[in-house]
Amino acid sequence: MDSHLRGNDVGTCKSGMHPALIALAKQLNTYEIQYHMDSADFFIKYSQGETSDDEDFVEWAGNHQHYLALHQELENRLQNVA
């Protein structure tokens, strides 16, 4: 997952990364360690109904979707700058 965090988000913060994206990546990493599964693999299983609706899984799925949306937004911004 960390390989998806390259690049600079112009004007968002001094570190060059969107703070929400970093926070989500950390949370996703916590779930990945806890459940021994990559977020993308988890989300496929979750979407296909192969997991329970446990609170952690619902939150993990939402965080994964939010991460993907922010990552796409960052990619779009970077393309507009280049």
C-alpha atoms as a PDB file:
ATOM      1  CA  MET A   1       0.000   0.000   0.000  1.00  0.00           C
ATOM      2  CA  ASP A   2       2.775   2.464   0.844  1.00  0.00           C
ATOM      3  CA  SER A   3       3.957   2.330  -2.774  1.00  0.00           C
ATOM      4  CA  HIS A   4       0.743   4.189  -3.637  1.00  0.00           C
ATOM      5  CA  LEU A   5       1.742   7.141  -1.485  1.00  0.00           C
ATOM      6  CA  ARG A   6       4.377   8.659  -3.754  1.00  0.00           C
ATOM      7  CA  GLY A   7       4.188  12.212  -5.047  1.00  0.00           C
ATOM      8  CA  ASN A   8       3.540  15.700  -3.770  1.00  0.00           C
ATOM      9  CA  ASP A   9       0.153  17.248  -3.155  1.00  0.00           C
ATOM     10  CA  VAL A  10       0.657  20.846  -4.129  1.00  0.00           C
ATOM     11  CA  GLY A  11      -0.523  23.299  -1.500  1.00  0.00           C
ATOM     12  CA  THR A  12      -2.043  20.779   0.881  1.00  0.00           C
ATOM     13  CA  CYS A  13       0.568  20.653   3.615  1.00  0.00           C
ATOM     14  CA  LYS A  14       4.249  21.380   4.165  1.00  0.00           C
ATOM     15  CA  SER A  15       5.221  17.697   4.151  1.00  0.00           C
ATOM     16  CA  GLY A  16       3.870  17.388   0.611  1.00  0.00           C
ATOM     17  CA  MET A  17       1.307  14.702   1.465  1.00  0.00           C
ATOM     18  CA  HIS A  18      -2.350  15.065   2.165  1.00  0.00           C
ATOM     19  CA  PRO A  19      -2.776  14.552   5.956  1.00  0.00           C
ATOM     20  CA  ALA A  20      -6.026  12.604   5.567  1.00  0.00           C
ATOM     21  CA  LEU A  21      -4.397  10.243   3.085  1.00  0.00           C
ATOM     22  CA  ILE A  22      -1.590   9.558   5.530  1.00  0.00           C
ATOM     23  CA  ALA A  23      -4.016   8.967   8.395  1.00  0.00           C
ATOM     24  CA  LEU A  24      -6.069   6.555   6.291  1.00  0.00           C
ATOM     25  CA  ALA A  25      -2.969   4.687   5.129  1.00  0.00           C
ATOM     26  CA  LYS A  26      -1.928   4.204   8.763  1.00  0.00           C
ATOM     27  CA  GLN A  27      -5.391   2.944   9.702  1.00  0.00           C
ATOM     28  CA  LEU A  28      -5.475   0.570   6.741  1.00  0.00           C
ATOM     29  CA  ASN A  29      -2.041  -0.731   7.699  1.00  0.00           C
ATOM     30  CA  THR A  30      -3.306  -1.415  11.223  1.00  0.00           C
ATOM     31  CA  TYR A  31      -6.190  -3.504   9.849  1.00  0.00           C
ATOM     32  CA  GLU A  32      -3.877  -5.308   7.414  1.00  0.00           C
ATOM     33  CA  ILE A  33      -1.566  -6.326  10.265  1.00  0.00           C
ATOM     34  CA  GLN A  34      -4.431  -7.258  12.577  1.00  0.00           C
ATOM     35  CA  TYR A  35      -6.268  -9.397  10.017  1.00  0.00           C
ATOM     36  CA  HIS A  36      -3.244 -10.586   7.972  1.00  0.00           C
ATOM     37  CA  MET A  37      -4.771  -9.377   4.722  1.00  0.00           C
ATOM     38  CA  ASP A  38      -4.070  -6.647   2.189  1.00  0.00           C
ATOM     39  CA  SER A  39      -6.767  -3.954   2.027  1.00  0.00           C
ATOM     40  CA  ALA A  40      -7.442  -4.536  -1.671  1.00  0.00           C
ATOM     41  CA  ASP A  41      -7.907  -8.288  -1.099  1.00  0.00           C
ATOM     42  CA  PHE A  42     -10.082  -7.616   1.923  1.00  0.00           C
ATOM     43  CA  PHE A  43     -12.268  -5.195  -0.024  1.00  0.00           C
ATOM     44  CA  ILE A  44     -12.872  -7.742  -2.777  1.00  0.00           C
ATOM     45  CA  LYS A  45     -13.960 -10.324  -0.204  1.00  0.00           C
ATOM     46  CA  TYR A  46     -16.059  -7.747   1.660  1.00  0.00           C
ATOM     47  CA  SER A  47     -17.752  -6.609  -1.558  1.00  0.00           C
ATOM     48  CA  GLN A  48     -18.580 -10.200  -2.454  1.00  0.00           C
ATOM     49  CA  GLY A  49     -20.127 -10.830   0.965  1.00  0.00           C
ATOM     50  CA  GLU A  50     -17.334 -13.168   2.051  1.00  0.00           C
ATOM     51  CA  THR A  51     -16.782 -11.360   5.362  1.00  0.00           C
ATOM     52  CA  SER A  52     -19.051 -10.562   8.242  1.00  0.00           C
ATOM     53  CA  ASP A  53     -20.525  -7.122   8.823  1.00  0.00           C
ATOM     54  CA  ASP A  54     -18.373  -6.770  11.909  1.00  0.00           C
ATOM     55  CA  GLU A  55     -17.814  -3.131  12.882  1.00  0.00           C
ATOM     56  CA  ASP A  56     -14.097  -3.377  12.054  1.00  0.00           C
ATOM     57  CA  PHE A  57     -14.850  -4.686   8.576  1.00  0.00           C
ATOM     58  CA  VAL A  58     -17.430  -2.012   7.835  1.00  0.00           C
ATOM     59  CA  GLU A  59     -14.984   0.663   8.981  1.00  0.00           C
ATOM     60  CA  TRP A  60     -12.105  -0.931   7.063  1.00  0.00           C
ATOM     61  CA  ALA A  61     -14.175  -1.019   3.870  1.00  0.00           C
ATOM     62  CA  GLY A  62     -15.189   2.621   4.285  1.00  0.00           C
ATOM     63  CA  ASN A  63     -11.626   3.692   5.013  1.00  0.00           C
ATOM     64  CA  HIS A  64     -10.387   1.783   1.975  1.00  0.00           C
ATOM     65  CA  GLN A  65     -12.919   3.492  -0.288  1.00  0.00           C
ATOM     66  CA  HIS A  66     -12.043   6.880   1.200  1.00  0.00           C
ATOM     67  CA  TYR A  67      -8.318   6.173   0.731  1.00  0.00           C
ATOM     68  CA  LEU A  68      -8.868   5.274  -2.933  1.00  0.00           C
ATOM     69  CA  ALA A  69     -10.908   8.448  -3.529  1.00  0.00           C
ATOM     70  CA  LEU A  70      -8.273  10.682  -1.904  1.00  0.00           C
ATOM     71  CA  HIS A  71      -5.486   8.895  -3.740  1.00  0.00           C
ATOM     72  CA  GLN A  72      -7.280   9.474  -7.046  1.00  0.00           C
ATOM     73  CA  GLU A  73      -7.791  13.131  -6.161  1.00  0.00           C
ATOM     74  CA  LEU A  74      -4.071  13.457  -5.438  1.00  0.00           C
ATOM     75  CA  GLU A  75      -3.181  11.754  -8.728  1.00  0.00           C
ATOM     76  CA  ASN A  76      -5.493  14.137 -10.595  1.00  0.00           C
ATOM     77  CA  ARG A  77      -3.904  17.169  -8.932  1.00  0.00           C
ATOM     78  CA  LEU A  78      -0.438  15.939  -9.788  1.00  0.00           C
ATOM     79  CA  GLN A  79      -1.407  15.405 -13.415  1.00  0.00           C
ATOM     80  CA  ASN A  80      -2.762  18.954 -13.578  1.00  0.00           C
ATOM     81  CA  VAL A  81       0.505  20.336 -12.230  1.00  0.00           C
ATOM     82  CA  ALA A  82       2.783  18.362 -14.567  1.00  0.00           C
END
